[in-house]
Amino acid sequence: MKAEPDDPRIIYERVDGSMHFTVWMNNSEQKTVLSHPIETSDWKDVLSQEDGRPDDGMMNIKLDPLGYRTLYRSIN
């Protein structure tokens, strides 16, 4: 979903017939916010089970240094 040369932050996704996962990774020593357009609003954090909702169609994920976050949603 997002990978740029010389940027240590990436977003990738995995989708099958029933589940959709996005993984947000910060491979830098600084805190960061990764942003990506997301249309659906039914995301949950895999570890905390907190809701993950986009703001005006943009998902903004705060990440600690060398941190990651995984979101998921069921596909009906």
N, C-alpha and C. Protein backbone atom coordinates (compact mmCIF):
# COMPACT_ATOMS: atom_id res chain seq x y z
N MET A 1 0.83 -1.19 0.00
CA MET A 1 0.00 0.00 0.00
C MET A 1 0.87 1.25 0.00
N LYS A 2 1.99 1.19 0.75
CA LYS A 2 2.90 2.34 0.78
C LYS A 2 4.30 1.83 1.04
N ALA A 3 5.19 2.11 0.11
CA ALA A 3 6.61 1.81 0.25
C ALA A 3 7.34 2.74 -0.71
N GLU A 4 8.23 3.54 -0.16
CA GLU A 4 8.95 4.51 -0.98
C GLU A 4 10.45 4.37 -0.74
N PRO A 5 11.25 4.57 -1.79
CA PRO A 5 12.70 4.52 -1.61
C PRO A 5 13.15 5.51 -0.54
N ASP A 6 14.10 5.11 0.25
CA ASP A 6 14.69 5.94 1.30
C ASP A 6 13.71 6.34 2.41
N ASP A 7 12.58 5.68 2.50
CA ASP A 7 11.62 5.90 3.59
C ASP A 7 11.50 4.60 4.36
N PRO A 8 11.91 4.55 5.63
CA PRO A 8 11.91 3.31 6.39
C PRO A 8 10.52 2.91 6.91
N ARG A 9 9.49 3.59 6.48
CA ARG A 9 8.13 3.27 6.93
C ARG A 9 7.37 2.61 5.78
N ILE A 10 6.60 1.57 6.12
CA ILE A 10 5.82 0.89 5.08
C ILE A 10 4.43 0.53 5.61
N ILE A 11 3.53 0.35 4.67
CA ILE A 11 2.19 -0.18 4.96
C ILE A 11 1.95 -1.29 3.95
N TYR A 12 1.53 -2.44 4.43
CA TYR A 12 1.15 -3.49 3.48
C TYR A 12 -0.14 -4.14 3.95
N GLU A 13 -0.76 -4.89 3.04
CA GLU A 13 -2.04 -5.52 3.35
C GLU A 13 -2.05 -6.97 2.89
N ARG A 14 -2.90 -7.73 3.55
CA ARG A 14 -3.18 -9.12 3.18
C ARG A 14 -4.68 -9.28 3.21
N VAL A 15 -5.22 -9.89 2.17
CA VAL A 15 -6.67 -10.05 2.05
C VAL A 15 -6.97 -11.48 1.58
N ASP A 16 -7.96 -12.09 2.19
CA ASP A 16 -8.49 -13.35 1.65
C ASP A 16 -10.01 -13.22 1.58
N GLY A 17 -10.73 -14.29 1.48
CA GLY A 17 -12.17 -14.23 1.32
C GLY A 17 -12.94 -13.77 2.55
N SER A 18 -12.31 -13.77 3.73
CA SER A 18 -13.05 -13.41 4.93
C SER A 18 -12.38 -12.33 5.79
N MET A 19 -11.07 -12.10 5.63
CA MET A 19 -10.36 -11.14 6.47
C MET A 19 -9.48 -10.21 5.63
N HIS A 20 -9.32 -9.00 6.14
CA HIS A 20 -8.47 -7.98 5.51
C HIS A 20 -7.58 -7.42 6.61
N PHE A 21 -6.27 -7.51 6.44
CA PHE A 21 -5.30 -7.02 7.41
C PHE A 21 -4.46 -5.92 6.78
N THR A 22 -4.12 -4.90 7.56
CA THR A 22 -3.12 -3.91 7.16
C THR A 22 -2.07 -3.85 8.26
N VAL A 23 -0.81 -3.79 7.85
CA VAL A 23 0.31 -3.73 8.79
C VAL A 23 1.05 -2.43 8.53
N TRP A 24 1.20 -1.63 9.58
CA TRP A 24 1.82 -0.31 9.53
C TRP A 24 3.13 -0.41 10.30
N MET A 25 4.26 -0.15 9.65
CA MET A 25 5.56 -0.37 10.28
C MET A 25 6.44 0.88 10.19
N ASN A 26 7.09 1.20 11.31
CA ASN A 26 8.01 2.32 11.39
C ASN A 26 9.40 1.77 11.71
N ASN A 27 10.25 1.70 10.72
CA ASN A 27 11.61 1.20 10.93
C ASN A 27 12.59 2.36 11.06
N SER A 28 12.19 3.38 11.84
CA SER A 28 13.05 4.53 12.10
C SER A 28 13.15 4.75 13.61
N GLU A 29 14.06 5.59 14.02
CA GLU A 29 14.29 5.89 15.43
C GLU A 29 13.42 7.04 15.94
N GLN A 30 12.54 7.58 15.10
CA GLN A 30 11.67 8.69 15.49
C GLN A 30 10.21 8.26 15.49
N LYS A 31 9.41 8.91 16.36
CA LYS A 31 7.97 8.72 16.29
C LYS A 31 7.49 9.23 14.95
N THR A 32 6.40 8.66 14.46
CA THR A 32 5.89 9.08 13.17
C THR A 32 4.38 8.87 13.09
N VAL A 33 3.77 9.46 12.09
CA VAL A 33 2.38 9.19 11.74
C VAL A 33 2.37 8.75 10.29
N LEU A 34 1.85 7.56 10.06
CA LEU A 34 1.68 7.06 8.70
C LEU A 34 0.24 7.32 8.29
N SER A 35 0.05 7.82 7.08
CA SER A 35 -1.29 8.13 6.59
C SER A 35 -1.52 7.45 5.25
N HIS A 36 -2.75 6.98 5.07
CA HIS A 36 -3.11 6.33 3.80
C HIS A 36 -4.63 6.44 3.62
N PRO A 37 -5.10 6.67 2.39
CA PRO A 37 -6.55 6.71 2.17
C PRO A 37 -7.19 5.34 2.45
N ILE A 38 -8.26 5.36 3.22
CA ILE A 38 -9.01 4.14 3.56
C ILE A 38 -10.49 4.49 3.47
N GLU A 39 -11.26 3.70 2.73
CA GLU A 39 -12.68 3.99 2.56
C GLU A 39 -13.55 3.37 3.64
N THR A 40 -13.18 2.20 4.13
CA THR A 40 -14.00 1.50 5.12
C THR A 40 -13.67 1.96 6.53
N SER A 41 -14.65 1.84 7.43
CA SER A 41 -14.46 2.35 8.79
C SER A 41 -14.63 1.29 9.88
N ASP A 42 -14.54 0.03 9.51
CA ASP A 42 -14.79 -1.05 10.47
C ASP A 42 -13.51 -1.76 10.91
N TRP A 43 -12.42 -1.03 11.04
CA TRP A 43 -11.14 -1.61 11.41
C TRP A 43 -10.99 -1.74 12.93
N LYS A 44 -10.25 -2.76 13.35
CA LYS A 44 -9.91 -2.96 14.77
C LYS A 44 -8.42 -3.27 14.86
N ASP A 45 -7.81 -2.85 15.97
CA ASP A 45 -6.43 -3.17 16.24
C ASP A 45 -6.35 -4.63 16.69
N VAL A 46 -5.44 -5.40 16.14
CA VAL A 46 -5.32 -6.83 16.46
C VAL A 46 -5.01 -7.05 17.94
N LEU A 47 -4.11 -6.25 18.51
CA LEU A 47 -3.69 -6.47 19.90
C LEU A 47 -4.63 -5.85 20.92
N SER A 48 -5.03 -4.60 20.72
CA SER A 48 -5.83 -3.90 21.73
C SER A 48 -7.34 -4.02 21.50
N GLN A 49 -7.74 -4.40 20.30
CA GLN A 49 -9.15 -4.46 19.89
C GLN A 49 -9.81 -3.07 19.84
N GLU A 50 -9.01 -2.00 19.88
CA GLU A 50 -9.55 -0.64 19.73
C GLU A 50 -9.99 -0.44 18.29
N ASP A 51 -11.03 0.39 18.12
CA ASP A 51 -11.48 0.74 16.78
C ASP A 51 -10.42 1.58 16.09
N GLY A 52 -10.28 1.37 14.79
CA GLY A 52 -9.42 2.20 13.96
C GLY A 52 -10.26 2.83 12.87
N ARG A 53 -10.52 4.10 12.98
CA ARG A 53 -11.41 4.77 12.04
C ARG A 53 -10.66 5.85 11.27
N PRO A 54 -10.89 5.88 9.96
CA PRO A 54 -10.28 6.96 9.17
C PRO A 54 -10.96 8.30 9.47
N ASP A 55 -10.24 9.37 9.21
CA ASP A 55 -10.74 10.72 9.38
C ASP A 55 -10.86 11.33 7.99
N ASP A 56 -12.09 11.57 7.55
CA ASP A 56 -12.34 12.10 6.20
C ASP A 56 -11.66 11.25 5.13
N GLY A 57 -11.75 9.93 5.27
CA GLY A 57 -11.21 9.03 4.26
C GLY A 57 -9.72 8.77 4.36
N MET A 58 -9.07 9.26 5.42
CA MET A 58 -7.63 9.08 5.58
C MET A 58 -7.36 8.41 6.93
N MET A 59 -6.70 7.26 6.89
CA MET A 59 -6.29 6.59 8.12
C MET A 59 -4.94 7.17 8.53
N ASN A 60 -4.84 7.62 9.78
CA ASN A 60 -3.62 8.19 10.32
C ASN A 60 -3.21 7.37 11.54
N ILE A 61 -2.09 6.68 11.44
CA ILE A 61 -1.65 5.77 12.49
C ILE A 61 -0.37 6.32 13.12
N LYS A 62 -0.43 6.58 14.43
CA LYS A 62 0.75 7.02 15.18
C LYS A 62 1.58 5.80 15.55
N LEU A 63 2.89 5.90 15.32
CA LEU A 63 3.79 4.79 15.62
C LEU A 63 5.00 5.27 16.40
N ASP A 64 5.38 4.48 17.40
CA ASP A 64 6.59 4.73 18.16
C ASP A 64 7.81 4.37 17.30
N PRO A 65 9.00 4.80 17.73
CA PRO A 65 10.21 4.37 17.03
C PRO A 65 10.27 2.84 16.95
N LEU A 66 10.56 2.34 15.78
CA LEU A 66 10.65 0.90 15.51
C LEU A 66 9.35 0.18 15.88
N GLY A 67 8.24 0.87 15.80
CA GLY A 67 6.95 0.30 16.18
C GLY A 67 6.14 -0.18 14.99
N TYR A 68 5.07 -0.86 15.29
CA TYR A 68 4.15 -1.34 14.26
C TYR A 68 2.75 -1.40 14.83
N ARG A 69 1.81 -1.52 13.93
CA ARG A 69 0.41 -1.70 14.33
C ARG A 69 -0.27 -2.51 13.24
N THR A 70 -1.10 -3.46 13.65
CA THR A 70 -1.82 -4.30 12.70
C THR A 70 -3.31 -4.08 12.92
N LEU A 71 -4.00 -3.74 11.84
CA LEU A 71 -5.45 -3.56 11.87
C LEU A 71 -6.10 -4.65 11.04
N TYR A 72 -7.34 -4.99 11.41
CA TYR A 72 -8.06 -6.01 10.64
C TYR A 72 -9.53 -5.64 10.55
N ARG A 73 -10.18 -6.27 9.60
CA ARG A 73 -11.64 -6.17 9.48
C ARG A 73 -12.14 -7.43 8.79
N SER A 74 -13.35 -7.80 9.13
CA SER A 74 -13.99 -8.96 8.50
C SER A 74 -14.62 -8.52 7.18
N ILE A 75 -14.54 -9.40 6.21
CA ILE A 75 -15.17 -9.16 4.92
C ILE A 75 -16.41 -10.03 4.85
N ASN A 76 -17.54 -9.40 4.70
CA ASN A 76 -18.80 -10.18 4.65
C ASN A 76 -19.23 -10.44 3.24
